[in-house]
């Protein structure tokens, strides 16, 4: 070993605090080999004076006075951008199906399928935005570019609804002609243009979604005593901004469409996005940035290739020198601090296994411990967001099934008659109320039960959300059985679009409010969990896990609907399927109970995954290693299952 190299012996110390080996396995007697000659994983070094996860300015330089940047003021600019993005997203989801049916003269089923695909693709492809941000551009420039693309797509959609050449002839196309399919269909180039601008909008949303929450959380100083408290409140307020955007989309945008037409409705979304872009750019001097760490996929591939090349090398081999790492606090990955070694996925440790003939110059043969631990963390995180796919399935089903229920019910509130398309606003209202009362009601009560200063840990909140979603979908099944029986007994069996005056649509508020509560606990807890647990240089990809789970939920709902229709329909269509277009002859109640059973199974899987999960180390060489004596360790100890046994079922420290 050269003069610049040194060995740090750590054969018995558990640096991560969570390296309990499985029975029958032999704990690694490891030696960390640290060298100043190590190349970075992507072939790039650090800017002078910048290392680890240190915040920098927009030019990538150290911030002279960090107290003059970031914090809640910077976060407010980011909230505005997210509010407008969600307003546009939900505004399109609630209006585009009707626009394709009434204006473009497309069948309702194909219109709904096209919009579901748009929603699913825009969420599932969010990993692309996370990759670009973490690898090359950073979160700020990724948001800046994709929010501009988003605005271009919304402008294109507004042109479709405004200029007659982009839509088919509307003459002699009344309600009866629409139902009979006698209206002039849209030309192929008209639909091609609409799909193009729609998916441009989805592409813009995919780039923004994984970056906004992470960029907002970046504005808070990890070395601050109140960091955990600020982070907890940030994600709650962040989701509050999401909710406000959804409420505006389900009310104001629907009202604009009814009073002023499609062009004004879509134009209002474009104007809101344009104003939010101006607000976001106005906050540029206030933002704190993190350096992109190079291609995460390249680093993951390097670990897999290096581990495969040394798959036959034993840790007891005489050629074994140690596990490779850089000296001091600096990591080989730009924008990341070191990550402590853990004993999980030991086969991947061979990527960092230093042999006598390794000089550390080839990252495809020898990786640092931190680089290996990044891959381990990405694998460890997967089961948690995967368990939230079922919640996304339920939310997707509610967008269509609950609206179909509402068409048969009385939507009058006193003398005011609410449009059926406004019904999805009620989950948003329940979210708004819950977030408003969260710190004054829920946190004090749950703190007494769990002993956690934040009321509940991140995984506990995800678990609470999944449990409440089960109650929501179970109630939906109970009420749908009552609604269907009432419709048949009172002669409405064939009139599935006729409102029953004596049965109020506000019975649906129970399932709407419950699913809103579930969404708050599950999604907010998941976003905070992924941000804190993801590697420093992969936080955008970590946040993208939540969006990908949402997108997969949309696709899973479509697949589930197709399977249920195929299995429950009688031969020769002599029997209606559970999801018949006529809700009174179908069996939506059976379908809701099927979702209940699936949700119960999913919840059991989550409990197992949460119990097995071991939180990242917050001491030693990990993220908290850069913190000074003023660091706040209370929140870390509060999640220690040894000191708080109540938390052990939802992850182990």
Foldseek 3Di string as FASTA:
>chain_A
DDPQKDKDWDQDDQQFVPFDDDPPDDGFRFIAIAGPPFAFLFRDDADPPDFAQAWPAPVRHHDPDLVQFFDPVLLVLLLLLLLLLLLLLLLCLLCQLVCCLQWQVDDSVVSNVLSLLLLLCLLQLLLVLLQCQQAPDNLLVLLLVLLVLLLQLLVLLLCCFPDPVLTDDPPPCDPVCSVVSNDDHHDPVSVVSNSVSSNSNSPSSSNNQLRSLLQNLSSADQQDQCSVVSNLLSLLVSVLSSLNSNLCSLPVLVVCCVPPNDSRSSVVSSVSSVVSSVSNVVSSRRGITFDRFHRLVSLLQLLVQQLVVCQPPDSPDPQFDRFYFHDDQGGSTGNHTAFGAHCPPVSSSSLRTDGPPDPNHDSSNHPHRRSSVLNVLVVLLQLQLLLCLLLLLLVLCCQPPLLLVQLAAQQDDDPDRDDSSSVLSLLSVLSNVCSVCVVVPQQVVLCVVQVFNRSAALLVLQLVLLVLLLVLLLLVLVVLVVSLVVCVVVPNQPVSNHYDHVGHSCSNSVSSSSNSSSCSSNVSSQLSQQQQQRTSSSSSSSSSSNSSSSSVSSVVSVVVVVVQQVVQQDVVSPAGTLPHPRPSRHNVSVVSVVSSVVSVVSSVSSLVSQLPAAGTRCDRRHDVPPHDPSHHCVNVVSQACVVRVVNNSRHHD
